[in-house]
């Protein structure tokens, strides 16, 4: 009688029991902490181990947003000042969302700094995507600076913003 080689191998192997995640052995489980008789100490331990405590759940302050924006803008500007070879290496390791995050974190008083950041982005050899261009224009309009948005969108050689989609161009024209 002929038996296929794969079937022969399958029949020759002893079948191992299958272990599922929900059916783990009790010896493999982590021991649970024993509750104190008083209970007061365990409440303190729970508060110390709580990942979502009330102190951490407060929204981020504007200082941390400004610090994050300044840090990202500084990294983009410093990469543009490097010589050609290190600049290309820095551009290869840079994330595309850095420019978008700088735009999102920009406040009304910092809108003029976008010119230098976008120029530095272009000098580093990175491309401004259509989505980022939409966010730049939308953020400038929302901050009350449609003149800056028109300048950035109009000077393609200097700032490198691609052609805007019709919806964004209409929003810019209406502002």
C-alpha atoms as a PDB file:
ATOM      1  CA  UNK A   1       0.000   0.000   0.000  1.00  0.00           C
ATOM      2  CA  UNK A   2       1.332   3.425  -0.982  1.00  0.00           C
ATOM      3  CA  UNK A   3       1.386   6.203   1.657  1.00  0.00           C
ATOM      4  CA  UNK A   4       2.358   9.744   0.707  1.00  0.00           C
ATOM      5  CA  UNK A   5       5.645  10.939   2.286  1.00  0.00           C
ATOM      6  CA  UNK A   6       3.979  13.848   4.097  1.00  0.00           C
ATOM      7  CA  UNK A   7       1.346  11.571   5.516  1.00  0.00           C
ATOM      8  CA  UNK A   8       4.017   9.079   6.564  1.00  0.00           C
ATOM      9  CA  UNK A   9       5.901  11.849   8.419  1.00  0.00           C
ATOM     10  CA  UNK A  10       2.735  13.021  10.086  1.00  0.00           C
ATOM     11  CA  UNK A  11       1.904   9.528  11.264  1.00  0.00           C
ATOM     12  CA  UNK A  12       5.432   8.950  12.572  1.00  0.00           C
ATOM     13  CA  UNK A  13       5.464  12.030  14.826  1.00  0.00           C
ATOM     14  CA  UNK A  14       3.924  11.807  18.234  1.00  0.00           C
ATOM     15  CA  UNK A  15       1.269  14.447  18.615  1.00  0.00           C
ATOM     16  CA  UNK A  16       2.074  16.979  21.317  1.00  0.00           C
ATOM     17  CA  UNK A  17      -0.741  18.390  23.410  1.00  0.00           C
ATOM     18  CA  UNK A  18      -1.785  21.870  22.341  1.00  0.00           C
ATOM     19  CA  UNK A  19      -1.518  24.526  25.008  1.00  0.00           C
ATOM     20  CA  UNK A  20      -3.847  27.493  24.822  1.00  0.00           C
ATOM     21  CA  UNK A  21      -3.412  30.849  26.497  1.00  0.00           C
ATOM     22  CA  UNK A  22      -6.634  30.644  28.466  1.00  0.00           C
ATOM     23  CA  UNK A  23      -5.765  27.192  29.808  1.00  0.00           C
ATOM     24  CA  UNK A  24      -2.333  27.757  31.360  1.00  0.00           C
ATOM     25  CA  UNK A  25      -1.096  25.595  34.185  1.00  0.00           C
ATOM     26  CA  UNK A  26      -1.586  26.967  37.719  1.00  0.00           C
ATOM     27  CA  UNK A  27       2.140  26.599  38.398  1.00  0.00           C
ATOM     28  CA  UNK A  28       2.881  29.054  35.560  1.00  0.00           C
ATOM     29  CA  UNK A  29       0.574  31.779  36.861  1.00  0.00           C
ATOM     30  CA  UNK A  30       1.963  34.754  38.752  1.00  0.00           C
ATOM     31  CA  UNK A  31       1.155  34.807  42.447  1.00  0.00           C
ATOM     32  CA  UNK A  32      -1.439  37.351  43.482  1.00  0.00           C
ATOM     33  CA  UNK A  33      -0.482  39.808  46.247  1.00  0.00           C
ATOM     34  CA  UNK A  34      -1.945  38.994  49.626  1.00  0.00           C
ATOM     35  CA  UNK A  35      -4.268  41.716  50.910  1.00  0.00           C
ATOM     36  CA  UNK A  36      -3.445  43.250  54.278  1.00  0.00           C
ATOM     37  CA  UNK A  37      -5.848  42.791  57.130  1.00  0.00           C
ATOM     38  CA  UNK A  38      -6.080  46.558  57.632  1.00  0.00           C
ATOM     39  CA  UNK A  39      -6.508  47.403  53.939  1.00  0.00           C
ATOM     40  CA  UNK A  40      -5.133  50.921  54.241  1.00  0.00           C
ATOM     41  CA  UNK A  41      -1.642  49.980  53.057  1.00  0.00           C
ATOM     42  CA  UNK A  42      -2.965  48.186  50.000  1.00  0.00           C
ATOM     43  CA  UNK A  43      -4.864  51.338  48.953  1.00  0.00           C
ATOM     44  CA  UNK A  44      -1.621  53.305  49.011  1.00  0.00           C
ATOM     45  CA  UNK A  45       0.114  50.639  46.941  1.00  0.00           C
ATOM     46  CA  UNK A  46      -2.697  50.712  44.398  1.00  0.00           C
ATOM     47  CA  UNK A  47      -2.402  54.469  44.061  1.00  0.00           C
ATOM     48  CA  UNK A  48       1.343  54.205  43.526  1.00  0.00           C
ATOM     49  CA  UNK A  49       0.903  51.539  40.851  1.00  0.00           C
ATOM     50  CA  UNK A  50      -2.094  53.204  39.188  1.00  0.00           C
ATOM     51  CA  UNK A  51      -1.250  54.080  35.602  1.00  0.00           C
ATOM     52  CA  UNK A  52      -4.181  56.432  35.234  1.00  0.00           C
ATOM     53  CA  UNK A  53      -4.015  58.423  38.418  1.00  0.00           C
ATOM     54  CA  UNK A  54      -5.768  61.759  38.649  1.00  0.00           C
ATOM     55  CA  UNK A  55      -2.467  63.667  38.527  1.00  0.00           C
ATOM     56  CA  UNK A  56      -1.526  62.123  35.191  1.00  0.00           C
ATOM     57  CA  UNK A  57      -4.955  62.472  33.624  1.00  0.00           C
ATOM     58  CA  UNK A  58      -4.802  66.266  33.459  1.00  0.00           C
ATOM     59  CA  UNK A  59      -4.479  67.563  29.897  1.00  0.00           C
ATOM     60  CA  UNK A  60      -1.008  68.522  28.819  1.00  0.00           C
ATOM     61  CA  UNK A  61      -0.119  72.077  29.598  1.00  0.00           C
ATOM     62  CA  UNK A  62       0.739  74.585  26.914  1.00  0.00           C
ATOM     63  CA  UNK A  63       4.313  74.657  28.196  1.00  0.00           C
ATOM     64  CA  UNK A  64       4.881  71.037  27.267  1.00  0.00           C
ATOM     65  CA  UNK A  65       3.300  71.606  23.851  1.00  0.00           C
ATOM     66  CA  UNK A  66       5.525  74.620  23.298  1.00  0.00           C
ATOM     67  CA  UNK A  67       8.579  72.682  24.453  1.00  0.00           C
ATOM     68  CA  UNK A  68       7.756  69.804  22.137  1.00  0.00           C
ATOM     69  CA  UNK A  69       7.225  72.147  19.206  1.00  0.00           C
ATOM     70  CA  UNK A  70      10.465  73.992  19.942  1.00  0.00           C
ATOM     71  CA  UNK A  71      12.353  70.707  20.158  1.00  0.00           C
ATOM     72  CA  UNK A  72      11.020  69.480  16.815  1.00  0.00           C
ATOM     73  CA  UNK A  73      11.623  72.834  15.126  1.00  0.00           C
ATOM     74  CA  UNK A  74      15.169  72.939  16.512  1.00  0.00           C
ATOM     75  CA  UNK A  75      15.928  69.466  15.154  1.00  0.00           C
ATOM     76  CA  UNK A  76      14.645  70.436  11.685  1.00  0.00           C
ATOM     77  CA  UNK A  77      16.579  73.711  11.687  1.00  0.00           C
ATOM     78  CA  UNK A  78      19.795  72.117  12.949  1.00  0.00           C
ATOM     79  CA  UNK A  79      19.632  69.371  10.295  1.00  0.00           C
ATOM     80  CA  UNK A  80      19.473  72.032   7.576  1.00  0.00           C
ATOM     81  CA  UNK A  81      22.703  73.642   8.816  1.00  0.00           C
ATOM     82  CA  UNK A  82      24.743  70.452   8.444  1.00  0.00           C
ATOM     83  CA  UNK A  83      27.099  69.869   5.491  1.00  0.00           C
ATOM     84  CA  UNK A  84      25.664  67.936   2.539  1.00  0.00           C
ATOM     85  CA  UNK A  85      26.579  64.342   3.442  1.00  0.00           C
ATOM     86  CA  UNK A  86      25.505  64.478   7.115  1.00  0.00           C
ATOM     87  CA  UNK A  87      22.381  66.401   6.087  1.00  0.00           C
ATOM     88  CA  UNK A  88      21.369  63.584   3.754  1.00  0.00           C
ATOM     89  CA  UNK A  89      22.004  61.043   6.493  1.00  0.00           C
ATOM     90  CA  UNK A  90      19.905  63.066   8.940  1.00  0.00           C
ATOM     91  CA  UNK A  91      17.136  63.405   6.349  1.00  0.00           C
ATOM     92  CA  UNK A  92      17.127  59.646   5.826  1.00  0.00           C
ATOM     93  CA  UNK A  93      16.542  59.043   9.541  1.00  0.00           C
ATOM     94  CA  UNK A  94      14.032  61.852  10.049  1.00  0.00           C
ATOM     95  CA  UNK A  95      10.358  61.091  10.320  1.00  0.00           C
ATOM     96  CA  UNK A  96       7.968  62.581   7.811  1.00  0.00           C
ATOM     97  CA  UNK A  97       5.499  63.562  10.538  1.00  0.00           C
ATOM     98  CA  UNK A  98       7.924  65.939  12.280  1.00  0.00           C
ATOM     99  CA  UNK A  99       6.987  68.891  10.075  1.00  0.00           C
ATOM    100  CA  UNK A 100       3.298  68.103  10.422  1.00  0.00           C
ATOM    101  CA  UNK A 101       3.621  67.943  14.215  1.00  0.00           C
ATOM    102  CA  UNK A 102       5.403  71.323  14.258  1.00  0.00           C
ATOM    103  CA  UNK A 103       2.512  72.777  12.249  1.00  0.00           C
ATOM    104  CA  UNK A 104      -0.083  71.223  14.560  1.00  0.00           C
ATOM    105  CA  UNK A 105       1.613  72.564  17.691  1.00  0.00           C
ATOM    106  CA  UNK A 106       2.087  76.095  16.309  1.00  0.00           C
ATOM    107  CA  UNK A 107       0.289  78.852  18.176  1.00  0.00           C
ATOM    108  CA  UNK A 108      -0.689  82.315  16.867  1.00  0.00           C
ATOM    109  CA  UNK A 109       2.531  84.020  17.988  1.00  0.00           C
ATOM    110  CA  UNK A 110       4.734  81.344  16.437  1.00  0.00           C
ATOM    111  CA  UNK A 111       3.174  81.360  12.955  1.00  0.00           C
ATOM    112  CA  UNK A 112       5.967  83.420  11.399  1.00  0.00           C
ATOM    113  CA  UNK A 113       8.528  80.802  12.435  1.00  0.00           C
ATOM    114  CA  UNK A 114       6.881  78.352  10.030  1.00  0.00           C
ATOM    115  CA  UNK A 115       8.669  80.054   7.130  1.00  0.00           C
ATOM    116  CA  UNK A 116      12.100  79.153   8.493  1.00  0.00           C
ATOM    117  CA  UNK A 117      11.067  75.625   9.491  1.00  0.00           C
ATOM    118  CA  UNK A 118       9.583  74.848   6.060  1.00  0.00           C
ATOM    119  CA  UNK A 119      12.652  76.298   4.312  1.00  0.00           C
ATOM    120  CA  UNK A 120      14.914  74.171   6.501  1.00  0.00           C
ATOM    121  CA  UNK A 121      12.772  71.129   5.713  1.00  0.00           C
ATOM    122  CA  UNK A 122      13.299  71.753   2.004  1.00  0.00           C
ATOM    123  CA  UNK A 123      17.034  72.467   2.402  1.00  0.00           C
ATOM    124  CA  UNK A 124      17.383  69.111   4.141  1.00  0.00           C
ATOM    125  CA  UNK A 125      16.159  67.505   0.938  1.00  0.00           C
ATOM    126  CA  UNK A 126      12.783  66.423   2.247  1.00  0.00           C
ATOM    127  CA  UNK A 127       9.540  66.801   0.385  1.00  0.00           C
ATOM    128  CA  UNK A 128       6.395  68.501   1.691  1.00  0.00           C
ATOM    129  CA  UNK A 129       3.492  66.109   1.156  1.00  0.00           C
ATOM    130  CA  UNK A 130       0.036  67.161   0.015  1.00  0.00           C
ATOM    131  CA  UNK A 131      -1.451  66.287   3.417  1.00  0.00           C
ATOM    132  CA  UNK A 132       1.182  68.385   5.200  1.00  0.00           C
ATOM    133  CA  UNK A 133       0.539  71.268   2.798  1.00  0.00           C
ATOM    134  CA  UNK A 134      -3.171  71.053   3.591  1.00  0.00           C
ATOM    135  CA  UNK A 135      -2.390  71.174   7.312  1.00  0.00           C
ATOM    136  CA  UNK A 136      -0.024  74.129   6.894  1.00  0.00           C
ATOM    137  CA  UNK A 137      -2.601  76.145   4.997  1.00  0.00           C
ATOM    138  CA  UNK A 138      -5.447  75.119   7.297  1.00  0.00           C
ATOM    139  CA  UNK A 139      -3.460  75.942  10.442  1.00  0.00           C
ATOM    140  CA  UNK A 140      -2.431  79.357   9.123  1.00  0.00           C
ATOM    141  CA  UNK A 141      -6.025  80.175   8.196  1.00  0.00           C
ATOM    142  CA  UNK A 142      -7.293  78.975  11.586  1.00  0.00           C
ATOM    143  CA  UNK A 143      -4.682  81.098  13.368  1.00  0.00           C
ATOM    144  CA  UNK A 144      -5.914  84.161  11.462  1.00  0.00           C
ATOM    145  CA  UNK A 145      -2.900  84.356   9.117  1.00  0.00           C
ATOM    146  CA  UNK A 146      -4.280  83.732   5.602  1.00  0.00           C
ATOM    147  CA  UNK A 147      -1.600  86.073   4.247  1.00  0.00           C
ATOM    148  CA  UNK A 148       1.090  83.699   5.493  1.00  0.00           C
ATOM    149  CA  UNK A 149      -0.786  80.713   4.046  1.00  0.00           C
ATOM    150  CA  UNK A 150      -1.007  82.445   0.651  1.00  0.00           C
ATOM    151  CA  UNK A 151       2.704  83.275   0.769  1.00  0.00           C
ATOM    152  CA  UNK A 152       3.684  79.698   1.640  1.00  0.00           C
ATOM    153  CA  UNK A 153       1.386  78.170  -0.983  1.00  0.00           C
ATOM    154  CA  UNK A 154       2.324  80.708  -3.643  1.00  0.00           C
ATOM    155  CA  UNK A 155       6.122  80.428  -3.538  1.00  0.00           C
ATOM    156  CA  UNK A 156       6.633  76.822  -4.594  1.00  0.00           C
ATOM    157  CA  UNK A 157      10.336  77.179  -5.330  1.00  0.00           C
ATOM    158  CA  UNK A 158      11.208  78.473  -1.880  1.00  0.00           C
ATOM    159  CA  UNK A 159       8.782  76.558   0.353  1.00  0.00           C
ATOM    160  CA  UNK A 160       8.016  73.534  -1.837  1.00  0.00           C
ATOM    161  CA  UNK A 161       4.327  73.174  -1.080  1.00  0.00           C
ATOM    162  CA  UNK A 162       2.673  71.044  -3.783  1.00  0.00           C
ATOM    163  CA  UNK A 163      -0.466  72.036  -5.630  1.00  0.00           C
ATOM    164  CA  UNK A 164      -3.282  72.215  -3.118  1.00  0.00           C
ATOM    165  CA  UNK A 165      -6.482  70.176  -3.519  1.00  0.00           C
ATOM    166  CA  UNK A 166      -9.542  72.144  -4.604  1.00  0.00           C
ATOM    167  CA  UNK A 167     -11.149  72.109  -1.156  1.00  0.00           C
ATOM    168  CA  UNK A 168      -8.054  73.577   0.520  1.00  0.00           C
ATOM    169  CA  UNK A 169      -7.518  76.108  -2.270  1.00  0.00           C
ATOM    170  CA  UNK A 170     -11.152  77.228  -1.900  1.00  0.00           C
ATOM    171  CA  UNK A 171     -10.694  77.602   1.872  1.00  0.00           C
ATOM    172  CA  UNK A 172      -7.584  79.710   1.253  1.00  0.00           C
ATOM    173  CA  UNK A 173      -9.307  81.884  -1.334  1.00  0.00           C
ATOM    174  CA  UNK A 174     -12.292  82.465   0.956  1.00  0.00           C
ATOM    175  CA  UNK A 175     -10.084  83.552   3.864  1.00  0.00           C
END
